Amino acid sequence: RGRATQRATARGSCADMGDRKEVNKYISPDFDPTRLPRRSGKGKKKDAALPIRLMLPIGIKCSTCGEHMRAGKKFNATKETAKGLDY
């Protein structure tokens, strides 16, 4: 019985959990968003390959080497835009 009372008290004291999240941030009256520095696209290329993660939906066998790969095997791959090809 003592533990149940302690738990209820602890839960009751955390009633203001939403107050810890700063959803509404203060913006001063003299704030001007046009004076913020612009983010540059440094490090990002338009034609850069996007890394993606694939997973096999079914078990398969390689026709070249004969290796069996079970369903759920994960692969790393890159997604690129085909240049000069129109679909």
N, C-alpha and C. Protein backbone atom coordinates (compact mmCIF):
# COMPACT_ATOMS: atom_id res chain seq x y z
N ARG A 1 0.82 -1.19 0.00
CA ARG A 1 0.00 0.00 0.00
C ARG A 1 0.87 1.26 0.00
N GLY A 2 1.98 1.21 0.63
CA GLY A 2 2.87 2.37 0.68
C GLY A 2 3.41 2.73 -0.69
N ARG A 3 3.76 1.72 -1.49
CA ARG A 3 4.30 1.99 -2.83
C ARG A 3 3.25 2.61 -3.73
N ALA A 4 2.02 2.13 -3.66
CA ALA A 4 0.95 2.68 -4.49
C ALA A 4 0.74 4.16 -4.17
N THR A 5 0.82 4.51 -2.92
CA THR A 5 0.66 5.91 -2.52
C THR A 5 1.82 6.75 -3.05
N GLN A 6 3.04 6.20 -3.01
CA GLN A 6 4.20 6.93 -3.51
C GLN A 6 4.09 7.14 -5.02
N ARG A 7 3.63 6.11 -5.73
CA ARG A 7 3.49 6.23 -7.18
C ARG A 7 2.46 7.29 -7.53
N ALA A 8 1.34 7.28 -6.85
CA ALA A 8 0.29 8.26 -7.13
C ALA A 8 0.79 9.67 -6.86
N THR A 9 1.58 9.84 -5.81
CA THR A 9 2.12 11.15 -5.49
C THR A 9 3.11 11.58 -6.57
N ALA A 10 3.94 10.64 -7.01
CA ALA A 10 4.92 10.97 -8.04
C ALA A 10 4.23 11.33 -9.35
N ARG A 11 3.19 10.61 -9.69
CA ARG A 11 2.48 10.92 -10.92
C ARG A 11 1.79 12.27 -10.82
N GLY A 12 1.24 12.56 -9.69
CA GLY A 12 0.54 13.83 -9.50
C GLY A 12 1.48 15.02 -9.61
N SER A 13 2.74 14.83 -9.21
CA SER A 13 3.68 15.94 -9.27
C SER A 13 4.15 16.22 -10.69
N CYS A 14 3.94 15.28 -11.59
CA CYS A 14 4.36 15.46 -12.99
C CYS A 14 3.19 15.90 -13.87
N ALA A 15 2.23 16.56 -13.29
CA ALA A 15 1.06 16.98 -14.06
C ALA A 15 1.42 18.04 -15.09
N ASP A 16 2.52 18.73 -14.86
CA ASP A 16 2.92 19.80 -15.76
C ASP A 16 4.03 19.36 -16.70
N MET A 17 3.94 18.14 -17.24
CA MET A 17 4.96 17.63 -18.15
C MET A 17 5.01 18.46 -19.44
N GLY A 18 3.88 18.98 -19.86
CA GLY A 18 3.83 19.77 -21.09
C GLY A 18 4.56 21.09 -20.95
N ASP A 19 4.76 21.54 -19.74
CA ASP A 19 5.45 22.81 -19.53
C ASP A 19 6.94 22.70 -19.85
N ARG A 20 7.47 21.47 -19.84
CA ARG A 20 8.89 21.32 -20.13
C ARG A 20 9.17 21.48 -21.61
N LYS A 21 8.19 21.22 -22.45
CA LYS A 21 8.38 21.38 -23.90
C LYS A 21 8.16 22.85 -24.25
N GLU A 22 9.10 23.41 -24.92
CA GLU A 22 8.97 24.82 -25.29
C GLU A 22 8.30 24.94 -26.65
N VAL A 23 7.00 24.77 -26.67
CA VAL A 23 6.25 24.85 -27.91
C VAL A 23 6.12 26.31 -28.33
N ASN A 24 5.79 27.15 -27.38
CA ASN A 24 5.63 28.57 -27.66
C ASN A 24 6.88 29.30 -27.20
N LYS A 25 7.68 29.74 -28.13
CA LYS A 25 8.89 30.47 -27.79
C LYS A 25 8.62 31.97 -27.89
N TYR A 26 9.26 32.71 -27.02
CA TYR A 26 9.07 34.15 -27.00
C TYR A 26 9.78 34.80 -28.18
N ILE A 27 9.07 35.67 -28.87
CA ILE A 27 9.64 36.44 -29.97
C ILE A 27 9.52 37.90 -29.59
N SER A 28 10.66 38.57 -29.51
CA SER A 28 10.64 39.96 -29.08
C SER A 28 9.98 40.84 -30.14
N PRO A 29 9.41 41.98 -29.73
CA PRO A 29 8.71 42.86 -30.68
C PRO A 29 9.63 43.44 -31.76
N ASP A 30 10.93 43.57 -31.46
CA ASP A 30 11.83 44.15 -32.45
C ASP A 30 12.52 43.08 -33.32
N PHE A 31 12.00 41.84 -33.31
CA PHE A 31 12.58 40.76 -34.12
C PHE A 31 12.25 40.98 -35.60
N ASP A 32 13.28 40.89 -36.44
CA ASP A 32 13.10 41.06 -37.89
C ASP A 32 13.65 39.82 -38.59
N PRO A 33 12.79 38.93 -39.13
CA PRO A 33 13.27 37.71 -39.75
C PRO A 33 14.07 37.94 -41.04
N THR A 34 13.95 39.13 -41.64
CA THR A 34 14.71 39.40 -42.85
C THR A 34 16.19 39.61 -42.56
N ARG A 35 16.54 39.85 -41.31
CA ARG A 35 17.93 40.08 -40.94
C ARG A 35 18.66 38.77 -40.60
N LEU A 36 17.94 37.65 -40.62
CA LEU A 36 18.58 36.37 -40.34
C LEU A 36 19.49 35.99 -41.50
N PRO A 37 20.63 35.36 -41.21
CA PRO A 37 21.51 34.94 -42.31
C PRO A 37 20.88 33.81 -43.10
N ARG A 38 21.05 33.85 -44.41
CA ARG A 38 20.51 32.82 -45.28
C ARG A 38 21.37 31.57 -45.18
N ARG A 39 20.72 30.42 -45.21
CA ARG A 39 21.46 29.17 -45.24
C ARG A 39 21.93 28.91 -46.66
N SER A 40 23.17 28.57 -46.78
CA SER A 40 23.67 28.24 -48.11
C SER A 40 23.62 26.73 -48.29
N GLY A 41 23.55 26.30 -49.51
CA GLY A 41 23.47 24.88 -49.81
C GLY A 41 24.84 24.23 -49.91
N LYS A 42 25.79 24.66 -49.08
CA LYS A 42 27.13 24.09 -49.13
C LYS A 42 27.07 22.63 -48.74
N GLY A 43 27.79 21.83 -49.48
CA GLY A 43 27.83 20.40 -49.19
C GLY A 43 26.73 19.61 -49.85
N LYS A 44 25.74 20.28 -50.40
CA LYS A 44 24.65 19.60 -51.07
C LYS A 44 24.76 19.84 -52.57
N LYS A 45 24.73 18.77 -53.32
CA LYS A 45 24.75 18.88 -54.77
C LYS A 45 23.39 18.47 -55.30
N LYS A 46 22.98 19.06 -56.39
CA LYS A 46 21.68 18.71 -56.96
C LYS A 46 21.65 17.29 -57.47
N ASP A 47 22.76 16.85 -58.06
CA ASP A 47 22.80 15.52 -58.67
C ASP A 47 23.46 14.49 -57.76
N ALA A 48 23.52 14.75 -56.48
CA ALA A 48 24.17 13.82 -55.56
C ALA A 48 23.32 12.56 -55.40
N ALA A 49 23.99 11.43 -55.22
CA ALA A 49 23.29 10.16 -55.03
C ALA A 49 22.75 10.09 -53.60
N LEU A 50 21.52 9.66 -53.46
CA LEU A 50 20.90 9.54 -52.15
C LEU A 50 21.11 8.12 -51.62
N PRO A 51 21.69 7.96 -50.44
CA PRO A 51 21.83 6.61 -49.90
C PRO A 51 20.49 6.11 -49.37
N ILE A 52 20.14 4.88 -49.71
CA ILE A 52 18.89 4.28 -49.23
C ILE A 52 19.18 2.89 -48.70
N ARG A 53 18.26 2.34 -47.95
CA ARG A 53 18.40 1.01 -47.36
C ARG A 53 17.26 0.15 -47.90
N LEU A 54 17.60 -0.99 -48.49
CA LEU A 54 16.62 -1.89 -49.08
C LEU A 54 16.55 -3.18 -48.28
N MET A 55 15.41 -3.87 -48.39
CA MET A 55 15.25 -5.15 -47.73
C MET A 55 14.55 -6.09 -48.71
N LEU A 56 15.03 -7.34 -48.79
CA LEU A 56 14.42 -8.31 -49.69
C LEU A 56 13.04 -8.72 -49.19
N PRO A 57 12.03 -8.69 -50.03
CA PRO A 57 10.70 -9.11 -49.59
C PRO A 57 10.53 -10.62 -49.53
N ILE A 58 11.33 -11.36 -50.34
CA ILE A 58 11.22 -12.83 -50.38
C ILE A 58 12.62 -13.42 -50.42
N GLY A 59 12.75 -14.69 -50.09
CA GLY A 59 14.02 -15.37 -50.20
C GLY A 59 14.35 -15.64 -51.66
N ILE A 60 15.62 -15.45 -52.04
CA ILE A 60 16.03 -15.67 -53.43
C ILE A 60 17.35 -16.43 -53.47
N LYS A 61 17.69 -16.92 -54.66
CA LYS A 61 18.96 -17.59 -54.89
C LYS A 61 19.65 -16.88 -56.05
N CYS A 62 20.92 -16.53 -55.87
CA CYS A 62 21.68 -15.85 -56.91
C CYS A 62 21.92 -16.83 -58.06
N SER A 63 21.60 -16.40 -59.28
CA SER A 63 21.78 -17.28 -60.44
C SER A 63 23.24 -17.38 -60.86
N THR A 64 24.10 -16.44 -60.42
CA THR A 64 25.51 -16.47 -60.78
C THR A 64 26.33 -17.33 -59.83
N CYS A 65 26.26 -17.04 -58.54
CA CYS A 65 27.10 -17.75 -57.57
C CYS A 65 26.34 -18.82 -56.79
N GLY A 66 25.02 -18.80 -56.85
CA GLY A 66 24.23 -19.82 -56.15
C GLY A 66 23.98 -19.53 -54.68
N GLU A 67 24.30 -18.33 -54.22
CA GLU A 67 24.10 -17.97 -52.82
C GLU A 67 22.61 -17.79 -52.52
N HIS A 68 22.16 -18.34 -51.40
CA HIS A 68 20.79 -18.16 -50.96
C HIS A 68 20.72 -16.94 -50.05
N MET A 69 19.76 -16.07 -50.32
CA MET A 69 19.55 -14.89 -49.49
C MET A 69 18.13 -14.93 -48.96
N ARG A 70 17.99 -14.90 -47.65
CA ARG A 70 16.68 -15.02 -47.02
C ARG A 70 15.90 -13.73 -47.13
N ALA A 71 14.61 -13.85 -46.92
CA ALA A 71 13.75 -12.66 -46.90
C ALA A 71 14.14 -11.80 -45.71
N GLY A 72 14.20 -10.52 -45.89
CA GLY A 72 14.56 -9.60 -44.82
C GLY A 72 16.02 -9.20 -44.85
N LYS A 73 16.82 -9.72 -45.79
CA LYS A 73 18.22 -9.32 -45.88
C LYS A 73 18.28 -7.86 -46.28
N LYS A 74 19.16 -7.10 -45.63
CA LYS A 74 19.24 -5.67 -45.86
C LYS A 74 20.42 -5.33 -46.76
N PHE A 75 20.21 -4.35 -47.64
CA PHE A 75 21.22 -3.89 -48.57
C PHE A 75 21.35 -2.38 -48.48
N ASN A 76 22.56 -1.89 -48.69
CA ASN A 76 22.78 -0.46 -48.87
C ASN A 76 22.84 -0.20 -50.36
N ALA A 77 22.22 0.90 -50.80
CA ALA A 77 22.22 1.24 -52.22
C ALA A 77 22.22 2.75 -52.36
N THR A 78 22.43 3.21 -53.58
CA THR A 78 22.35 4.64 -53.85
C THR A 78 21.32 4.89 -54.93
N LYS A 79 20.58 5.96 -54.78
CA LYS A 79 19.54 6.34 -55.71
C LYS A 79 20.05 7.53 -56.51
N GLU A 80 20.19 7.35 -57.82
CA GLU A 80 20.73 8.39 -58.68
C GLU A 80 19.75 8.75 -59.78
N THR A 81 19.86 9.94 -60.31
CA THR A 81 19.05 10.36 -61.43
C THR A 81 19.77 9.95 -62.71
N ALA A 82 19.05 9.30 -63.60
CA ALA A 82 19.62 8.85 -64.88
C ALA A 82 19.75 10.06 -65.81
N LYS A 83 20.97 10.41 -66.14
CA LYS A 83 21.22 11.56 -67.01
C LYS A 83 21.11 11.15 -68.48
N GLY A 84 20.43 11.94 -69.25
CA GLY A 84 20.32 11.70 -70.67
C GLY A 84 19.26 10.67 -71.05
N LEU A 85 18.53 10.13 -70.06
CA LEU A 85 17.48 9.17 -70.36
C LEU A 85 16.13 9.78 -70.01
N ASP A 86 15.18 9.67 -70.91
CA ASP A 86 13.84 10.18 -70.67
C ASP A 86 12.87 9.01 -70.58
N TYR A 87 12.05 9.02 -69.56
CA TYR A 87 11.08 7.96 -69.37
C TYR A 87 9.68 8.53 -69.43
